[in-house]
C-alpha atoms as a PDB file:
ATOM      1  CA  MET A   1     110.803 151.398  90.961  1.00  0.00           C
ATOM      2  CA  ASP A   2     108.473 150.106  88.233  1.00  0.00           C
ATOM      3  CA  VAL A   3     105.527 149.028  90.410  1.00  0.00           C
ATOM      4  CA  LEU A   4     103.397 147.805  87.518  1.00  0.00           C
ATOM      5  CA  GLY A   5     106.349 145.819  86.198  1.00  0.00           C
ATOM      6  CA  GLU A   6     106.903 144.182  89.583  1.00  0.00           C
ATOM      7  CA  ILE A   7     103.209 143.272  89.883  1.00  0.00           C
ATOM      8  CA  PHE A   8     103.259 141.747  86.398  1.00  0.00           C
ATOM      9  CA  ARG A   9     106.425 139.761  87.204  1.00  0.00           C
ATOM     10  CA  TRP A  10     104.915 138.436  90.455  1.00  0.00           C
ATOM     11  CA  LYS A  11     101.700 137.395  88.733  1.00  0.00           C
ATOM     12  CA  ARG A  12     103.641 135.710  85.925  1.00  0.00           C
ATOM     13  CA  MET A  13     105.744 133.737  88.438  1.00  0.00           C
ATOM     14  CA  SER A  14     102.620 132.712  90.375  1.00  0.00           C
ATOM     15  CA  PHE A  15     100.971 131.578  87.139  1.00  0.00           C
ATOM     16  CA  VAL A  16     104.030 129.502  86.158  1.00  0.00           C
ATOM     17  CA  LYS A  17     104.117 127.900  89.626  1.00  0.00           C
ATOM     18  CA  ARG A  18     100.433 126.992  89.389  1.00  0.00           C
ATOM     19  CA  ILE A  19     100.935 125.483  85.937  1.00  0.00           C
ATOM     20  CA  GLY A  20     103.930 123.512  87.214  1.00  0.00           C
ATOM     21  CA  LYS A  21     102.012 122.164  90.203  1.00  0.00           C
ATOM     22  CA  ASN A  22      99.058 121.172  88.023  1.00  0.00           C
ATOM     23  CA  MET A  23     101.354 119.348  85.597  1.00  0.00           C
ATOM     24  CA  LEU A  24     102.950 117.429  88.453  1.00  0.00           C
ATOM     25  CA  ARG A  25      99.541 116.483  89.844  1.00  0.00           C
ATOM     26  CA  GLU A  26      98.499 115.212  86.405  1.00  0.00           C
ATOM     27  CA  ILE A  27     101.300 112.625  86.513  1.00  0.00           C
ATOM     28  CA  GLY A  28     100.610 111.650  90.115  1.00  0.00           C
ATOM     29  CA  TYR A  29     102.776 113.997  92.179  1.00  0.00           C
ATOM     30  CA  ASP A  30     101.551 116.510  94.732  1.00  0.00           C
ATOM     31  CA  VAL A  31     103.394 119.619  95.894  1.00  0.00           C
ATOM     32  CA  HIS A  32     103.360 120.824  99.486  1.00  0.00           C
ATOM     33  CA  ARG A  33     105.727 122.778 101.705  1.00  0.00           C
ATOM     34  CA  ILE A  34     107.042 121.513 105.001  1.00  0.00           C
ATOM     35  CA  GLU A  35     109.135 123.656 107.303  1.00  0.00           C
ATOM     36  CA  LYS A  36     112.838 122.803 107.391  1.00  0.00           C
ATOM     37  CA  ASN A  37     112.891 123.016 111.179  1.00  0.00           C
ATOM     38  CA  ASN A  38     110.361 120.160 111.280  1.00  0.00           C
ATOM     39  CA  LYS A  39     107.804 122.025 113.394  1.00  0.00           C
ATOM     40  CA  VAL A  40     104.905 120.207 111.734  1.00  0.00           C
ATOM     41  CA  SER A  41     103.430 117.860 114.334  1.00  0.00           C
ATOM     42  CA  ALA A  42     101.614 114.591 113.628  1.00  0.00           C
ATOM     43  CA  TYR A  43      99.331 115.145 116.633  1.00  0.00           C
ATOM     44  CA  SER A  44      96.045 116.926 117.138  1.00  0.00           C
ATOM     45  CA  PRO A  45      96.404 120.475 118.511  1.00  0.00           C
ATOM     46  CA  ILE A  46      93.581 119.728 120.961  1.00  0.00           C
ATOM     47  CA  GLU A  47      95.199 118.900 124.314  1.00  0.00           C
ATOM     48  CA  LEU A  48      93.680 115.994 126.222  1.00  0.00           C
ATOM     49  CA  LYS A  49      94.462 114.664 129.682  1.00  0.00           C
ATOM     50  CA  TYR A  50      94.684 111.308 127.921  1.00  0.00           C
ATOM     51  CA  GLY A  51      97.716 112.535 126.000  1.00  0.00           C
ATOM     52  CA  PRO A  52      98.527 113.294 122.347  1.00  0.00           C
ATOM     53  CA  VAL A  53      96.279 111.872 119.614  1.00  0.00           C
ATOM     54  CA  VAL A  54      97.480 111.272 116.055  1.00  0.00           C
ATOM     55  CA  ASP A  55      95.869 113.604 113.517  1.00  0.00           C
ATOM     56  CA  LEU A  56      95.608 111.953 110.109  1.00  0.00           C
ATOM     57  CA  ASP A  57      95.561 115.271 108.245  1.00  0.00           C
ATOM     58  CA  TYR A  58      98.877 116.279 109.834  1.00  0.00           C
ATOM     59  CA  VAL A  59     100.319 112.850 109.064  1.00  0.00           C
ATOM     60  CA  ALA A  60      99.373 113.431 105.420  1.00  0.00           C
ATOM     61  CA  ILE A  61     100.905 116.925 105.332  1.00  0.00           C
ATOM     62  CA  ILE A  62     104.210 115.451 106.479  1.00  0.00           C
ATOM     63  CA  GLY A  63     104.018 112.425 104.195  1.00  0.00           C
ATOM     64  CA  ILE A  64     103.202 114.168 100.937  1.00  0.00           C
ATOM     65  CA  SER A  65     105.950 116.720 101.509  1.00  0.00           C
ATOM     66  CA  LEU A  66     108.269 113.938 100.290  1.00  0.00           C
ATOM     67  CA  PRO A  67     108.745 112.974  96.624  1.00  0.00           C
ATOM     68  CA  GLY A  68     106.531 110.135  95.465  1.00  0.00           C
ATOM     69  CA  MET A  69     103.425 109.002  93.633  1.00  0.00           C
ATOM     70  CA  THR A  70     101.303 108.175  96.702  1.00  0.00           C
ATOM     71  CA  THR A  71      98.328 110.526  96.967  1.00  0.00           C
ATOM     72  CA  LYS A  72      97.153 112.027 100.239  1.00  0.00           C
ATOM     73  CA  GLN A  73      94.147 109.711 100.382  1.00  0.00           C
ATOM     74  CA  SER A  74      96.173 106.606  99.551  1.00  0.00           C
ATOM     75  CA  GLY A  75      98.727 107.515 102.208  1.00  0.00           C
ATOM     76  CA  GLN A  76      95.988 107.966 104.776  1.00  0.00           C
ATOM     77  CA  ASN A  77      94.588 104.559 103.826  1.00  0.00           C
ATOM     78  CA  LEU A  78      98.026 103.005 104.298  1.00  0.00           C
ATOM     79  CA  PHE A  79      98.315 104.591 107.725  1.00  0.00           C
ATOM     80  CA  SER A  80      94.794 103.707 108.879  1.00  0.00           C
ATOM     81  CA  LEU A  81      94.810 100.078 107.779  1.00  0.00           C
ATOM     82  CA  SER A  82      98.149  99.483 109.483  1.00  0.00           C
ATOM     83  CA  TYR A  83      97.514 101.599 112.587  1.00  0.00           C
ATOM     84  CA  PHE A  84      94.215  99.915 113.521  1.00  0.00           C
ATOM     85  CA  GLN A  85      95.285  96.381 112.657  1.00  0.00           C
ATOM     86  CA  GLN A  86      94.928  93.883 115.517  1.00  0.00           C
ATOM     87  CA  GLU A  87      97.178  91.113 114.180  1.00  0.00           C
ATOM     88  CA  LYS A  88     100.693  91.162 115.650  1.00  0.00           C
ATOM     89  CA  GLY A  89     103.816  91.317 113.525  1.00  0.00           C
ATOM     90  CA  ASP A  90     106.041  93.527 111.410  1.00  0.00           C
ATOM     91  CA  VAL A  91     105.260  95.914 108.544  1.00  0.00           C
ATOM     92  CA  VAL A  92     107.128  95.646 105.234  1.00  0.00           C
ATOM     93  CA  GLU A  93     107.263  97.809 102.122  1.00  0.00           C
ATOM     94  CA  ILE A  94     108.799  96.573  98.865  1.00  0.00           C
ATOM     95  CA  GLY A  95     109.773  99.566  96.733  1.00  0.00           C
ATOM     96  CA  THR A  96     110.264 102.682  98.838  1.00  0.00           C
ATOM     97  CA  TRP A  97     112.158 105.127  96.548  1.00  0.00           C
ATOM     98  CA  GLN A  98     112.262 108.450  98.467  1.00  0.00           C
ATOM     99  CA  GLY A  99     110.002 107.487 101.357  1.00  0.00           C
ATOM    100  CA  ARG A 100     106.564 109.043 100.822  1.00  0.00           C
ATOM    101  CA  SER A 101     104.561 105.849 101.349  1.00  0.00           C
ATOM    102  CA  ALA A 102     107.149 104.671 103.872  1.00  0.00           C
ATOM    103  CA  SER A 103     106.466 107.747 105.996  1.00  0.00           C
ATOM    104  CA  PHE A 104     102.817 106.718 106.443  1.00  0.00           C
ATOM    105  CA  LEU A 105     103.641 103.098 107.267  1.00  0.00           C
ATOM    106  CA  ALA A 106     106.588 103.867 109.522  1.00  0.00           C
ATOM    107  CA  ARG A 107     104.560 106.361 111.527  1.00  0.00           C
ATOM    108  CA  ALA A 108     101.623 103.953 111.793  1.00  0.00           C
ATOM    109  CA  THR A 109     103.953 101.203 113.019  1.00  0.00           C
ATOM    110  CA  TYR A 110     105.543 103.496 115.583  1.00  0.00           C
ATOM    111  CA  GLU A 111     102.273 104.941 116.851  1.00  0.00           C
ATOM    112  CA  SER A 112     100.614 101.528 117.127  1.00  0.00           C
ATOM    113  CA  GLY A 113     103.592  99.998 118.927  1.00  0.00           C
ATOM    114  CA  ASN A 114     102.966  96.875 116.874  1.00  0.00           C
ATOM    115  CA  GLY A 115     106.128  95.420 115.338  1.00  0.00           C
ATOM    116  CA  GLU A 116     108.920  96.994 113.299  1.00  0.00           C
ATOM    117  CA  PHE A 117     108.874  98.665 109.892  1.00  0.00           C
ATOM    118  CA  PHE A 118     111.183  97.494 107.091  1.00  0.00           C
ATOM    119  CA  ALA A 119     111.619  99.445 103.839  1.00  0.00           C
ATOM    120  CA  ILE A 120     113.065  97.413 100.954  1.00  0.00           C
ATOM    121  CA  ASP A 121     114.615  98.925  97.824  1.00  0.00           C
ATOM    122  CA  HIS A 122     117.732  98.308  95.732  1.00  0.00           C
ATOM    123  CA  PHE A 123     117.599 101.948  94.513  1.00  0.00           C
ATOM    124  CA  GLN A 124     118.536 100.969  90.952  1.00  0.00           C
ATOM    125  CA  GLY A 125     115.286 101.873  89.212  1.00  0.00           C
ATOM    126  CA  SER A 126     113.043  99.471  87.351  1.00  0.00           C
ATOM    127  CA  SER A 127     113.856  97.053  84.562  1.00  0.00           C
ATOM    128  CA  SER A 128     111.658  98.893  82.038  1.00  0.00           C
ATOM    129  CA  LYS A 129     113.187 100.745  79.098  1.00  0.00           C
ATOM    130  CA  ASN A 130     113.136 104.144  80.817  1.00  0.00           C
ATOM    131  CA  GLY A 131     112.958 102.777  84.339  1.00  0.00           C
ATOM    132  CA  LYS A 132     116.011 104.550  85.704  1.00  0.00           C
ATOM    133  CA  LYS A 133     114.962 107.917  84.325  1.00  0.00           C
ATOM    134  CA  ASN A 134     111.709 107.694  86.253  1.00  0.00           C
ATOM    135  CA  PHE A 135     113.604 107.478  89.545  1.00  0.00           C
ATOM    136  CA  VAL A 136     116.205 110.202  89.087  1.00  0.00           C
ATOM    137  CA  VAL A 137     116.341 112.866  91.816  1.00  0.00           C
ATOM    138  CA  ASN A 138     119.662 114.609  91.187  1.00  0.00           C
ATOM    139  CA  GLU A 139     122.192 112.065  89.966  1.00  0.00           C
ATOM    140  CA  GLU A 140     121.513 110.264  86.673  1.00  0.00           C
ATOM    141  CA  ASP A 141     123.133 107.078  87.984  1.00  0.00           C
ATOM    142  CA  LEU A 142     120.767 107.087  91.022  1.00  0.00           C
ATOM    143  CA  SER A 143     123.763 107.098  93.368  1.00  0.00           C
ATOM    144  CA  ASP A 144     122.154 109.726  95.602  1.00  0.00           C
ATOM    145  CA  LEU A 145     118.874 107.924  96.259  1.00  0.00           C
ATOM    146  CA  VAL A 146     119.911 106.145  99.465  1.00  0.00           C
ATOM    147  CA  ASN A 147     121.296 109.278 101.098  1.00  0.00           C
ATOM    148  CA  VAL A 148     118.295 111.352 100.068  1.00  0.00           C
ATOM    149  CA  PHE A 149     115.933 108.693 101.442  1.00  0.00           C
ATOM    150  CA  ASN A 150     117.777 108.656 104.767  1.00  0.00           C
ATOM    151  CA  GLY A 151     117.750 112.443 104.828  1.00  0.00           C
ATOM    152  CA  ASN A 152     114.013 112.492 104.201  1.00  0.00           C
ATOM    153  CA  MET A 153     113.365 110.131 107.087  1.00  0.00           C
ATOM    154  CA  ALA A 154     115.561 112.240 109.382  1.00  0.00           C
ATOM    155  CA  ARG A 155     113.820 115.451 108.344  1.00  0.00           C
ATOM    156  CA  ILE A 156     110.397 114.130 109.349  1.00  0.00           C
ATOM    157  CA  GLY A 157     111.620 112.470 112.543  1.00  0.00           C
ATOM    158  CA  LEU A 158     111.337 108.822 111.481  1.00  0.00           C
ATOM    159  CA  SER A 159     114.980 107.693 111.262  1.00  0.00           C
ATOM    160  CA  ASP A 160     114.646 105.494 114.352  1.00  0.00           C
ATOM    161  CA  SER A 161     111.370 104.002 113.081  1.00  0.00           C
ATOM    162  CA  VAL A 162     112.665 102.741 109.718  1.00  0.00           C
ATOM    163  CA  THR A 163     114.946  99.813 109.036  1.00  0.00           C
ATOM    164  CA  LEU A 164     116.140 100.225 105.461  1.00  0.00           C
ATOM    165  CA  LEU A 165     117.113  97.079 103.563  1.00  0.00           C
ATOM    166  CA  ASN A 166     119.097  98.392 100.600  1.00  0.00           C
ATOM    167  CA  MET A 167     118.986  95.198  98.549  1.00  0.00           C
ATOM    168  CA  THR A 168     116.825  93.111  96.251  1.00  0.00           C
ATOM    169  CA  SER A 169     113.566  91.671  97.548  1.00  0.00           C
ATOM    170  CA  LYS A 170     115.118  88.177  97.374  1.00  0.00           C
ATOM    171  CA  GLN A 171     117.995  89.255  99.621  1.00  0.00           C
ATOM    172  CA  ALA A 172     115.590  91.043 101.946  1.00  0.00           C
ATOM    173  CA  ALA A 173     113.371  87.981 102.223  1.00  0.00           C
ATOM    174  CA  GLU A 174     116.387  85.990 103.381  1.00  0.00           C
ATOM    175  CA  LYS A 175     117.120  88.638 106.024  1.00  0.00           C
ATOM    176  CA  LEU A 176     113.517  88.583 107.244  1.00  0.00           C
ATOM    177  CA  SER A 177     112.939  84.835 107.014  1.00  0.00           C
ATOM    178  CA  ASP A 178     112.462  84.468 110.773  1.00  0.00           C
ATOM    179  CA  ARG A 179     110.020  87.411 111.074  1.00  0.00           C
ATOM    180  CA  GLU A 180     106.232  87.383 111.111  1.00  0.00           C
ATOM    181  CA  ILE A 181     104.628  89.968 108.840  1.00  0.00           C
ATOM    182  CA  ARG A 182     101.213  91.455 109.596  1.00  0.00           C
ATOM    183  CA  PHE A 183     101.186  94.079 106.818  1.00  0.00           C
ATOM    184  CA  ILE A 184     102.996  94.249 103.480  1.00  0.00           C
ATOM    185  CA  PHE A 185     102.830  96.925 100.795  1.00  0.00           C
ATOM    186  CA  ILE A 186     104.176  95.611  97.477  1.00  0.00           C
ATOM    187  CA  ASP A 187     105.253  98.302  95.026  1.00  0.00           C
ATOM    188  CA  GLY A 188     108.330  96.774  93.443  1.00  0.00           C
ATOM    189  CA  ASP A 189     108.757  94.898  90.165  1.00  0.00           C
ATOM    190  CA  HIS A 190     105.336  94.996  88.472  1.00  0.00           C
ATOM    191  CA  SER A 191     106.129  92.373  85.846  1.00  0.00           C
ATOM    192  CA  ARG A 192     104.378  89.012  86.018  1.00  0.00           C
ATOM    193  CA  GLU A 193     107.603  87.356  87.119  1.00  0.00           C
ATOM    194  CA  GLY A 194     108.360  90.062  89.667  1.00  0.00           C
ATOM    195  CA  VAL A 195     104.939  89.866  91.323  1.00  0.00           C
ATOM    196  CA  GLU A 196     104.995  86.075  91.398  1.00  0.00           C
ATOM    197  CA  LYS A 197     108.459  86.166  92.971  1.00  0.00           C
ATOM    198  CA  ASP A 198     107.420  88.615  95.720  1.00  0.00           C
ATOM    199  CA  ILE A 199     104.411  86.437  96.553  1.00  0.00           C
ATOM    200  CA  GLU A 200     106.630  83.349  96.657  1.00  0.00           C
ATOM    201  CA  LEU A 201     109.221  85.060  98.857  1.00  0.00           C
ATOM    202  CA  PHE A 202     107.103  86.938 101.383  1.00  0.00           C
ATOM    203  CA  PHE A 203     103.741  85.198 101.718  1.00  0.00           C
ATOM    204  CA  PRO A 204     105.217  82.338 103.808  1.00  0.00           C
ATOM    205  CA  MET A 205     106.027  84.991 106.440  1.00  0.00           C
ATOM    206  CA  LEU A 206     102.485  86.380 106.625  1.00  0.00           C
ATOM    207  CA  VAL A 207     100.424  85.823 109.757  1.00  0.00           C
ATOM    208  CA  ASP A 208      96.795  84.765 109.488  1.00  0.00           C
ATOM    209  CA  GLY A 209      94.764  87.889 108.789  1.00  0.00           C
ATOM    210  CA  ALA A 210      97.725  89.871 107.429  1.00  0.00           C
ATOM    211  CA  ILE A 211      96.893  92.831 105.206  1.00  0.00           C
ATOM    212  CA  VAL A 212      98.475  92.722 101.768  1.00  0.00           C
ATOM    213  CA  MET A 213      98.478  95.695  99.406  1.00  0.00           C
ATOM    214  CA  PHE A 214      99.593  95.705  95.757  1.00  0.00           C
ATOM    215  CA  ASP A 215     100.179  99.113  94.201  1.00  0.00           C
ATOM    216  CA  ASP A 216      99.640  99.971  90.508  1.00  0.00           C
ATOM    217  CA  PHE A 217      96.766  97.523  90.127  1.00  0.00           C
ATOM    218  CA  SER A 218      95.685  98.605  86.647  1.00  0.00           C
ATOM    219  CA  MET A 219      95.637  97.256  83.112  1.00  0.00           C
ATOM    220  CA  ARG A 220      98.834  99.206  82.424  1.00  0.00           C
ATOM    221  CA  HIS A 221     100.383  96.299  84.342  1.00  0.00           C
ATOM    222  CA  ARG A 222      98.436  93.404  82.853  1.00  0.00           C
ATOM    223  CA  GLY A 223     100.806  90.779  84.215  1.00  0.00           C
ATOM    224  CA  LEU A 224     100.314  92.040  87.779  1.00  0.00           C
ATOM    225  CA  VAL A 225      96.524  91.965  87.374  1.00  0.00           C
ATOM    226  CA  GLU A 226      96.545  88.444  85.952  1.00  0.00           C
ATOM    227  CA  VAL A 227      98.807  87.126  88.722  1.00  0.00           C
ATOM    228  CA  LEU A 228      96.549  88.611  91.408  1.00  0.00           C
ATOM    229  CA  ASP A 229      93.423  87.319  89.694  1.00  0.00           C
ATOM    230  CA  ASN A 230      94.897  83.823  89.769  1.00  0.00           C
ATOM    231  CA  PHE A 231      95.844  84.252  93.415  1.00  0.00           C
ATOM    232  CA  LEU A 232      92.349  85.376  94.390  1.00  0.00           C
ATOM    233  CA  MET A 233      90.938  82.269  92.680  1.00  0.00           C
ATOM    234  CA  GLN A 234      92.877  80.209  95.238  1.00  0.00           C
ATOM    235  CA  ASN A 235      90.619  81.667  97.941  1.00  0.00           C
ATOM    236  CA  LYS A 236      93.500  82.415 100.335  1.00  0.00           C
ATOM    237  CA  HIS A 237      91.876  85.630 101.492  1.00  0.00           C
ATOM    238  CA  SER A 238      88.854  86.627 103.556  1.00  0.00           C
ATOM    239  CA  ARG A 239      88.387  90.199 102.261  1.00  0.00           C
ATOM    240  CA  VAL A 240      89.427  92.053  99.113  1.00  0.00           C
ATOM    241  CA  MET A 241      88.910  95.600  97.834  1.00  0.00           C
ATOM    242  CA  THR A 242      90.545  98.250  95.684  1.00  0.00           C
ATOM    243  CA  PHE A 243      91.074 101.985  96.025  1.00  0.00           C
ATOM    244  CA  GLY A 244      92.765 104.135  93.429  1.00  0.00           C
ATOM    245  CA  ASN A 245      95.201 101.774  91.742  1.00  0.00           C
ATOM    246  CA  THR A 246      95.760  99.632  94.822  1.00  0.00           C
ATOM    247  CA  LEU A 247      94.415  96.166  95.574  1.00  0.00           C
ATOM    248  CA  VAL A 248      94.022  95.218  99.250  1.00  0.00           C
ATOM    249  CA  LEU A 249      93.352  91.776 100.633  1.00  0.00           C
ATOM    250  CA  LYS A 250      93.168  90.175 104.052  1.00  0.00           C
ATOM    251  CA  TYR A 251      95.268  87.047 103.893  1.00  0.00           C
ATOM    252  CA  LYS A 252      93.956  83.687 105.094  1.00  0.00           C
ATOM    253  CA  LEU A 253      96.241  80.778 105.928  1.00  0.00           C
END
């Protein structure tokens, strides 16, 4: 056996893996391993008479094992803001793709016992020139996205905590018209028209004090920024902040 050759091959493979991971992180992805038998727990290993306590680091390990652009910190912010919210109502995500951000919100909804979680996506990619290519997992026509999403939710134990609405946001809004929403994460159509339409469709369902989050708040999406700037000028919020490329506001009726 050529020991030196084997060592060189192993080091070369490790180097290539590191380069690959770094390249993925540069474009917003993170790479982590999660056991196939789903032994990763979302609870603190410290046993209390009180009972199990959610551990945010474990929640993040599970969440970022799924494909997506949500960073660990952003996912933890999603979880925390939803989990500790006092207003009553449901949690909604517009634009779920393969479920990374959904995993944080679904788990927060389940653990808080406050409302139901709805994930909305038509799984047809975006309307941009290369929009579909950006969402490909295996099949170029995106026909596998729904099944892979459902499989991801099953693998991390959240199938019963997610109601998937495989449809446009307009169709979903009609389905949810009689619901009260306490938290909404909007990561769908980032065009000016798309953002205005999501505000028009879903804001009438928001409860007073609802938390609203818009992803990709950056000048790469100038229309989104301008729409939100105009909305903030209407003073229909009591708090506003940003983190990463996300704008968060507390809605005021």
